[in-house]
PDB file of N, CA and C in Angstrom:
ATOM      1  N   MET A   1      82.556 189.670 185.027  1.00  0.00           N
ATOM      2  CA  MET A   1      83.426 189.884 186.169  1.00  0.00           C
ATOM      3  C   MET A   1      84.589 188.898 186.201  1.00  0.00           C
ATOM      4  N   LEU A   2      84.530 187.844 185.401  1.00  0.00           N
ATOM      5  CA  LEU A   2      85.604 186.856 185.457  1.00  0.00           C
ATOM      6  C   LEU A   2      86.945 187.442 185.052  1.00  0.00           C
ATOM      7  N   GLY A   3      86.954 188.198 183.950  1.00  0.00           N
ATOM      8  CA  GLY A   3      88.206 188.787 183.470  1.00  0.00           C
ATOM      9  C   GLY A   3      88.849 189.710 184.497  1.00  0.00           C
ATOM     10  N   PRO A   4      88.117 190.690 185.025  1.00  0.00           N
ATOM     11  CA  PRO A   4      88.707 191.568 186.036  1.00  0.00           C
ATOM     12  C   PRO A   4      89.125 190.820 187.306  1.00  0.00           C
ATOM     13  N   PHE A   5      88.367 189.804 187.708  1.00  0.00           N
ATOM     14  CA  PHE A   5      88.721 189.045 188.907  1.00  0.00           C
ATOM     15  C   PHE A   5      90.063 188.347 188.725  1.00  0.00           C
ATOM     16  N   VAL A   6      90.229 187.670 187.598  1.00  0.00           N
ATOM     17  CA  VAL A   6      91.479 186.959 187.326  1.00  0.00           C
ATOM     18  C   VAL A   6      92.621 187.960 187.152  1.00  0.00           C
ATOM     19  N   ARG A   7      92.362 189.060 186.471  1.00  0.00           N
ATOM     20  CA  ARG A   7      93.384 190.102 186.313  1.00  0.00           C
ATOM     21  C   ARG A   7      93.858 190.605 187.671  1.00  0.00           C
ATOM     22  N   ASP A   8      92.916 190.882 188.565  1.00  0.00           N
ATOM     23  CA  ASP A   8      93.269 191.389 189.884  1.00  0.00           C
ATOM     24  C   ASP A   8      93.973 190.332 190.733  1.00  0.00           C
ATOM     25  N   TRP A   9      93.560 189.081 190.598  1.00  0.00           N
ATOM     26  CA  TRP A   9      94.245 188.007 191.310  1.00  0.00           C
ATOM     27  C   TRP A   9      95.710 187.949 190.877  1.00  0.00           C
ATOM     28  N   ASN A  10      95.946 187.971 189.576  1.00  0.00           N
ATOM     29  CA  ASN A  10      97.320 187.930 189.078  1.00  0.00           C
ATOM     30  C   ASN A  10      98.115 189.151 189.531  1.00  0.00           C
ATOM     31  N   ALA A  11      97.482 190.318 189.536  1.00  0.00           N
ATOM     32  CA  ALA A  11      98.169 191.538 189.961  1.00  0.00           C
ATOM     33  C   ALA A  11      98.541 191.486 191.442  1.00  0.00           C
ATOM     34  N   ALA A  12      97.713 190.854 192.255  1.00  0.00           N
ATOM     35  CA  ALA A  12      97.956 190.795 193.701  1.00  0.00           C
ATOM     36  C   ALA A  12      98.750 189.560 194.116  1.00  0.00           C
ATOM     37  N   SER A  13      99.058 188.681 193.200  1.00  0.00           N
ATOM     38  CA  SER A  13      99.647 187.391 193.566  1.00  0.00           C
ATOM     39  C   SER A  13     100.999 187.508 194.268  1.00  0.00           C
ATOM     40  N   ASP A  14     101.843 188.450 193.879  1.00  0.00           N
ATOM     41  CA  ASP A  14     103.131 188.604 194.573  1.00  0.00           C
ATOM     42  C   ASP A  14     102.913 189.023 196.026  1.00  0.00           C
ATOM     43  N   TRP A  15     101.993 189.951 196.243  1.00  0.00           N
ATOM     44  CA  TRP A  15     101.693 190.395 197.603  1.00  0.00           C
ATOM     45  C   TRP A  15     101.076 189.250 198.413  1.00  0.00           C
ATOM     46  N   ILE A  16     100.154 188.505 197.806  1.00  0.00           N
ATOM     47  CA  ILE A  16      99.520 187.383 198.498  1.00  0.00           C
ATOM     48  C   ILE A  16     100.558 186.325 198.856  1.00  0.00           C
ATOM     49  N   GLN A  17     101.458 186.046 197.937  1.00  0.00           N
ATOM     50  CA  GLN A  17     102.503 185.057 198.217  1.00  0.00           C
ATOM     51  C   GLN A  17     103.359 185.507 199.403  1.00  0.00           C
ATOM     52  N   ARG A  18     103.680 186.790 199.462  1.00  0.00           N
ATOM     53  CA  ARG A  18     104.470 187.301 200.587  1.00  0.00           C
ATOM     54  C   ARG A  18     103.687 187.174 201.895  1.00  0.00           C
ATOM     55  N   GLU A  19     102.385 187.407 201.844  1.00  0.00           N
ATOM     56  CA  GLU A  19     101.566 187.279 203.047  1.00  0.00           C
ATOM     57  C   GLU A  19     101.443 185.825 203.497  1.00  0.00           C
ATOM     58  N   ARG A  20     101.531 184.898 202.582  1.00  0.00           N
ATOM     59  CA  ARG A  20     101.439 183.487 202.954  1.00  0.00           C
ATOM     60  C   ARG A  20     102.673 183.011 203.717  1.00  0.00           C
ATOM     61  N   TRP A  21     103.820 183.611 203.455  1.00  0.00           N
ATOM     62  CA  TRP A  21     105.025 183.252 204.197  1.00  0.00           C
ATOM     63  C   TRP A  21     104.999 183.957 205.547  1.00  0.00           C
ATOM     64  N   LYS A  22     105.094 183.196 206.614  1.00  0.00           N
ATOM     65  CA  LYS A  22     105.047 183.755 207.969  1.00  0.00           C
ATOM     66  C   LYS A  22     106.300 183.339 208.730  1.00  0.00           C
ATOM     67  N   TRP A  23     106.936 184.307 209.360  1.00  0.00           N
ATOM     68  CA  TRP A  23     108.129 184.062 210.160  1.00  0.00           C
ATOM     69  C   TRP A  23     107.727 183.768 211.600  1.00  0.00           C
ATOM     70  N   ASP A  24     108.246 182.680 212.148  1.00  0.00           N
ATOM     71  CA  ASP A  24     107.986 182.332 213.546  1.00  0.00           C
ATOM     72  C   ASP A  24     109.232 182.691 214.347  1.00  0.00           C
ATOM     73  N   PRO A  25     109.185 183.763 215.138  1.00  0.00           N
ATOM     74  CA  PRO A  25     110.381 184.185 215.883  1.00  0.00           C
ATOM     75  C   PRO A  25     110.823 183.163 216.935  1.00  0.00           C
ATOM     76  N   ASP A  26     109.906 182.324 217.403  1.00  0.00           N
ATOM     77  CA  ASP A  26     110.274 181.327 218.411  1.00  0.00           C
ATOM     78  C   ASP A  26     111.144 180.215 217.830  1.00  0.00           C
ATOM     79  N   THR A  27     110.753 179.720 216.648  1.00  0.00           N
ATOM     80  CA  THR A  27     111.515 178.633 216.024  1.00  0.00           C
ATOM     81  C   THR A  27     112.552 179.149 215.030  1.00  0.00           C
ATOM     82  N   GLN A  28     112.468 180.453 214.707  1.00  0.00           N
ATOM     83  CA  GLN A  28     113.374 181.057 213.723  1.00  0.00           C
ATOM     84  C   GLN A  28     113.249 180.386 212.351  1.00  0.00           C
ATOM     85  N   LYS A  29     112.001 180.035 211.991  1.00  0.00           N
ATOM     86  CA  LYS A  29     111.752 179.381 210.708  1.00  0.00           C
ATOM     87  C   LYS A  29     110.547 180.010 210.028  1.00  0.00           C
ATOM     88  N   TRP A  30     110.507 179.838 208.703  1.00  0.00           N
ATOM     89  CA  TRP A  30     109.371 180.283 207.899  1.00  0.00           C
ATOM     90  C   TRP A  30     108.343 179.167 207.815  1.00  0.00           C
ATOM     91  N   SER A  31     107.083 179.524 207.807  1.00  0.00           N
ATOM     92  CA  SER A  31     106.015 178.571 207.520  1.00  0.00           C
ATOM     93  C   SER A  31     105.191 179.143 206.365  1.00  0.00           C
ATOM     94  N   TYR A  32     104.565 178.248 205.635  1.00  0.00           N
ATOM     95  CA  TYR A  32     103.767 178.661 204.475  1.00  0.00           C
ATOM     96  C   TYR A  32     102.308 178.380 204.774  1.00  0.00           C
ATOM     97  N   ARG A  33     101.470 179.430 204.708  1.00  0.00           N
ATOM     98  CA  ARG A  33     100.039 179.327 205.016  1.00  0.00           C
ATOM     99  C   ARG A  33      99.247 179.301 203.710  1.00  0.00           C
ATOM    100  N   SER A  34      99.120 178.124 203.137  1.00  0.00           N
ATOM    101  CA  SER A  34      98.479 177.994 201.818  1.00  0.00           C
ATOM    102  C   SER A  34      96.989 178.327 201.844  1.00  0.00           C
ATOM    103  N   GLN A  35      96.360 178.282 202.999  1.00  0.00           N
ATOM    104  CA  GLN A  35      94.925 178.560 203.069  1.00  0.00           C
ATOM    105  C   GLN A  35      94.599 180.050 202.990  1.00  0.00           C
ATOM    106  N   LEU A  36      95.599 180.898 203.175  1.00  0.00           N
ATOM    107  CA  LEU A  36      95.376 182.339 203.107  1.00  0.00           C
ATOM    108  C   LEU A  36      95.007 182.727 201.674  1.00  0.00           C
ATOM    109  N   TYR A  37      93.822 183.258 201.471  1.00  0.00           N
ATOM    110  CA  TYR A  37      93.280 183.643 200.159  1.00  0.00           C
ATOM    111  C   TYR A  37      93.070 182.446 199.229  1.00  0.00           C
ATOM    112  N   ALA A  38      93.000 181.236 199.779  1.00  0.00           N
ATOM    113  CA  ALA A  38      92.846 180.030 198.960  1.00  0.00           C
ATOM    114  C   ALA A  38      91.528 180.026 198.190  1.00  0.00           C
ATOM    115  N   ASN A  39      90.471 180.594 198.788  1.00  0.00           N
ATOM    116  CA  ASN A  39      89.184 180.613 198.080  1.00  0.00           C
ATOM    117  C   ASN A  39      89.253 181.498 196.829  1.00  0.00           C
ATOM    118  N   TYR A  40      89.999 182.595 196.889  1.00  0.00           N
ATOM    119  CA  TYR A  40      90.159 183.448 195.705  1.00  0.00           C
ATOM    120  C   TYR A  40      91.013 182.753 194.643  1.00  0.00           C
ATOM    121  N   GLN A  41      92.049 182.065 195.091  1.00  0.00           N
ATOM    122  CA  GLN A  41      92.887 181.336 194.142  1.00  0.00           C
ATOM    123  C   GLN A  41      92.073 180.246 193.454  1.00  0.00           C
ATOM    124  N   TRP A  42      91.265 179.536 194.213  1.00  0.00           N
ATOM    125  CA  TRP A  42      90.436 178.488 193.624  1.00  0.00           C
ATOM    126  C   TRP A  42      89.524 179.067 192.543  1.00  0.00           C
ATOM    127  N   ALA A  43      88.862 180.183 192.859  1.00  0.00           N
ATOM    128  CA  ALA A  43      87.946 180.791 191.884  1.00  0.00           C
ATOM    129  C   ALA A  43      88.700 181.251 190.641  1.00  0.00           C
ATOM    130  N   ALA A  44      89.808 181.946 190.825  1.00  0.00           N
ATOM    131  CA  ALA A  44      90.568 182.454 189.678  1.00  0.00           C
ATOM    132  C   ALA A  44      91.076 181.311 188.804  1.00  0.00           C
ATOM    133  N   CYS A  45      91.613 180.266 189.425  1.00  0.00           N
ATOM    134  CA  CYS A  45      92.157 179.142 188.662  1.00  0.00           C
ATOM    135  C   CYS A  45      91.061 178.295 188.026  1.00  0.00           C
ATOM    136  N   THR A  46      89.881 178.289 188.613  1.00  0.00           N
ATOM    137  CA  THR A  46      88.752 177.573 188.019  1.00  0.00           C
ATOM    138  C   THR A  46      88.269 178.296 186.770  1.00  0.00           C
ATOM    139  N   TRP A  47      88.299 179.612 186.803  1.00  0.00           N
ATOM    140  CA  TRP A  47      87.768 180.413 185.711  1.00  0.00           C
ATOM    141  C   TRP A  47      88.741 180.633 184.571  1.00  0.00           C
ATOM    142  N   SER A  48      90.051 180.548 184.839  1.00  0.00           N
ATOM    143  CA  SER A  48      91.004 180.897 183.788  1.00  0.00           C
ATOM    144  C   SER A  48      92.292 180.087 183.912  1.00  0.00           C
ATOM    145  N   LYS A  49      92.789 179.651 182.779  1.00  0.00           N
ATOM    146  CA  LYS A  49      94.084 178.959 182.757  1.00  0.00           C
ATOM    147  C   LYS A  49      95.232 179.949 182.941  1.00  0.00           C
ATOM    148  N   GLU A  50      94.949 181.237 182.773  1.00  0.00           N
ATOM    149  CA  GLU A  50      95.989 182.252 182.937  1.00  0.00           C
ATOM    150  C   GLU A  50      96.176 182.702 184.384  1.00  0.00           C
ATOM    151  N   ALA A  51      95.313 182.270 185.277  1.00  0.00           N
ATOM    152  CA  ALA A  51      95.428 182.655 186.684  1.00  0.00           C
ATOM    153  C   ALA A  51      96.678 182.015 187.283  1.00  0.00           C
ATOM    154  N   ARG A  52      97.393 182.789 188.067  1.00  0.00           N
ATOM    155  CA  ARG A  52      98.606 182.271 188.714  1.00  0.00           C
ATOM    156  C   ARG A  52      98.232 181.303 189.826  1.00  0.00           C
ATOM    157  N   LYS A  53      98.865 180.143 189.815  1.00  0.00           N
ATOM    158  CA  LYS A  53      98.676 179.140 190.866  1.00  0.00           C
ATOM    159  C   LYS A  53      99.828 179.272 191.844  1.00  0.00           C
ATOM    160  N   LEU A  54      99.508 179.683 193.040  1.00  0.00           N
ATOM    161  CA  LEU A  54     100.529 179.889 194.061  1.00  0.00           C
ATOM    162  C   LEU A  54     100.670 178.650 194.928  1.00  0.00           C
ATOM    163  N   SER A  55     101.907 178.343 195.285  1.00  0.00           N
ATOM    164  CA  SER A  55     102.185 177.237 196.192  1.00  0.00           C
ATOM    165  C   SER A  55     103.499 177.538 196.903  1.00  0.00           C
ATOM    166  N   ARG A  56     103.853 176.685 197.823  1.00  0.00           N
ATOM    167  CA  ARG A  56     105.123 176.839 198.539  1.00  0.00           C
ATOM    168  C   ARG A  56     106.291 176.901 197.547  1.00  0.00           C
ATOM    169  N   ALA A  57     106.186 176.161 196.463  1.00  0.00           N
ATOM    170  CA  ALA A  57     107.258 176.096 195.477  1.00  0.00           C
ATOM    171  C   ALA A  57     107.286 177.297 194.524  1.00  0.00           C
ATOM    172  N   SER A  58     106.247 178.132 194.551  1.00  0.00           N
ATOM    173  CA  SER A  58     106.187 179.277 193.632  1.00  0.00           C
ATOM    174  C   SER A  58     107.324 180.264 193.860  1.00  0.00           C
ATOM    175  N   THR A  59     107.586 180.575 195.099  1.00  0.00           N
ATOM    176  CA  THR A  59     108.678 181.482 195.454  1.00  0.00           C
ATOM    177  C   THR A  59     109.265 181.052 196.793  1.00  0.00           C
ATOM    178  N   PRO A  60     110.549 181.294 196.997  1.00  0.00           N
ATOM    179  CA  PRO A  60     111.141 180.980 198.297  1.00  0.00           C
ATOM    180  C   PRO A  60     110.662 181.992 199.337  1.00  0.00           C
ATOM    181  N   PRO A  61     110.891 181.698 200.610  1.00  0.00           N
ATOM    182  CA  PRO A  61     110.522 182.685 201.631  1.00  0.00           C
ATOM    183  C   PRO A  61     111.339 183.966 201.454  1.00  0.00           C
ATOM    184  N   PRO A  62     110.863 185.070 201.991  1.00  0.00           N
ATOM    185  CA  PRO A  62     111.617 186.330 201.891  1.00  0.00           C
ATOM    186  C   PRO A  62     112.997 186.206 202.524  1.00  0.00           C
ATOM    187  N   ALA A  63     113.886 187.098 202.136  1.00  0.00           N
ATOM    188  CA  ALA A  63     115.253 187.071 202.667  1.00  0.00           C
ATOM    189  C   ALA A  63     115.285 187.320 204.171  1.00  0.00           C
ATOM    190  N   HIS A  64     114.453 188.229 204.653  1.00  0.00           N
ATOM    191  CA  HIS A  64     114.344 188.471 206.089  1.00  0.00           C
ATOM    192  C   HIS A  64     112.908 188.782 206.455  1.00  0.00           C
ATOM    193  N   PRO A  65     112.595 188.550 207.727  1.00  0.00           N
ATOM    194  CA  PRO A  65     111.232 188.846 208.171  1.00  0.00           C
ATOM    195  C   PRO A  65     110.925 190.334 208.092  1.00  0.00           C
ATOM    196  N   SER A  66     109.669 190.648 207.897  1.00  0.00           N
ATOM    197  CA  SER A  66     109.255 192.046 207.897  1.00  0.00           C
ATOM    198  C   SER A  66     109.221 192.545 209.333  1.00  0.00           C
ATOM    199  N   GLU A  67     109.182 193.850 209.480  1.00  0.00           N
ATOM    200  CA  GLU A  67     109.212 194.433 210.814  1.00  0.00           C
ATOM    201  C   GLU A  67     107.851 194.442 211.480  1.00  0.00           C
ATOM    202  N   GLY A  68     106.811 194.174 210.750  1.00  0.00           N
ATOM    203  CA  GLY A  68     105.482 194.161 211.334  1.00  0.00           C
ATOM    204  C   GLY A  68     104.424 194.210 210.268  1.00  0.00           C
ATOM    205  N   PRO A  69     103.173 194.028 210.662  1.00  0.00           N
ATOM    206  CA  PRO A  69     102.101 194.055 209.668  1.00  0.00           C
ATOM    207  C   PRO A  69     101.973 195.427 209.029  1.00  0.00           C
ATOM    208  N   GLY A  70     101.755 195.406 207.736  1.00  0.00           N
ATOM    209  CA  GLY A  70     101.527 196.659 207.030  1.00  0.00           C
ATOM    210  C   GLY A  70     102.774 197.462 206.734  1.00  0.00           C
ATOM    211  N   ASP A  71     103.951 196.872 206.867  1.00  0.00           N
ATOM    212  CA  ASP A  71     105.169 197.637 206.638  1.00  0.00           C
ATOM    213  C   ASP A  71     105.581 197.684 205.173  1.00  0.00           C
ATOM    214  N   GLU A  72     104.939 196.882 204.345  1.00  0.00           N
ATOM    215  CA  GLU A  72     105.277 196.881 202.936  1.00  0.00           C
ATOM    216  C   GLU A  72     104.189 197.596 202.146  1.00  0.00           C
ATOM    217  N   PRO A  73     104.571 198.377 201.124  1.00  0.00           N
ATOM    218  CA  PRO A  73     103.556 199.095 200.347  1.00  0.00           C
ATOM    219  C   PRO A  73     102.712 198.133 199.531  1.00  0.00           C
ATOM    220  N   LEU A  74     101.489 198.532 199.273  1.00  0.00           N
ATOM    221  CA  LEU A  74     100.618 197.750 198.412  1.00  0.00           C
ATOM    222  C   LEU A  74     101.127 197.809 196.983  1.00  0.00           C
ATOM    223  N   PRO A  75     100.862 196.788 196.171  1.00  0.00           N
ATOM    224  CA  PRO A  75     101.319 196.814 194.784  1.00  0.00           C
ATOM    225  C   PRO A  75     100.805 198.055 194.054  1.00  0.00           C
ATOM    226  N   GLY A  76     101.703 198.730 193.335  1.00  0.00           N
ATOM    227  CA  GLY A  76     101.313 199.887 192.548  1.00  0.00           C
ATOM    228  C   GLY A  76     101.118 201.161 193.333  1.00  0.00           C
ATOM    229  N   SER A  77     101.457 201.166 194.624  1.00  0.00           N
ATOM    230  CA  SER A  77     101.280 202.384 195.406  1.00  0.00           C
ATOM    231  C   SER A  77     102.381 203.388 195.075  1.00  0.00           C
ATOM    232  N   THR A  78     102.210 204.611 195.513  1.00  0.00           N
ATOM    233  CA  THR A  78     103.198 205.652 195.223  1.00  0.00           C
ATOM    234  C   THR A  78     104.513 205.390 195.934  1.00  0.00           C
ATOM    235  N   GLU A  79     104.517 204.550 196.968  1.00  0.00           N
ATOM    236  CA  GLU A  79     105.761 204.243 197.665  1.00  0.00           C
ATOM    237  C   GLU A  79     106.688 203.405 196.795  1.00  0.00           C
ATOM    238  N   ASP A  80     106.140 202.725 195.779  1.00  0.00           N
ATOM    239  CA  ASP A  80     106.942 201.911 194.877  1.00  0.00           C
ATOM    240  C   ASP A  80     107.622 202.750 193.799  1.00  0.00           C
ATOM    241  N   LYS A  81     107.164 203.978 193.610  1.00  0.00           N
ATOM    242  CA  LYS A  81     107.644 204.802 192.501  1.00  0.00           C
ATOM    243  C   LYS A  81     108.661 205.826 192.991  1.00  0.00           C
ATOM    244  N   PRO A  82     109.713 206.034 192.220  1.00  0.00           N
ATOM    245  CA  PRO A  82     110.688 207.060 192.610  1.00  0.00           C
ATOM    246  C   PRO A  82     110.080 208.453 192.547  1.00  0.00           C
ATOM    247  N   GLU A  83     110.594 209.314 193.381  1.00  0.00           N
ATOM    248  CA  GLU A  83     110.082 210.690 193.385  1.00  0.00           C
ATOM    249  C   GLU A  83     110.537 211.417 192.135  1.00  0.00           C
ATOM    250  N   ALA A  84     109.701 212.302 191.649  1.00  0.00           N
ATOM    251  CA  ALA A  84     110.007 213.041 190.414  1.00  0.00           C
ATOM    252  C   ALA A  84     110.853 214.251 190.702  1.00  0.00           C
TER     253      ALA A  84
END
């Protein structure tokens, strides 16, 4: 299970990184929640040197806040693909 776990962690890492960035409308600033999915990151990085290590420095905050929870498609969903 180690290989698939690390593979899936790497595949979800962009989405997880986006979820870690949180916009505070009161202060009009981004905060980074490193504890979100931290247990999965620890396991993946413990098991493999190829696991992506996410941190505040990995990517900058998004250009603008999202409109609400669940407004972005999951990685690899049909919403990411152009219509045929």
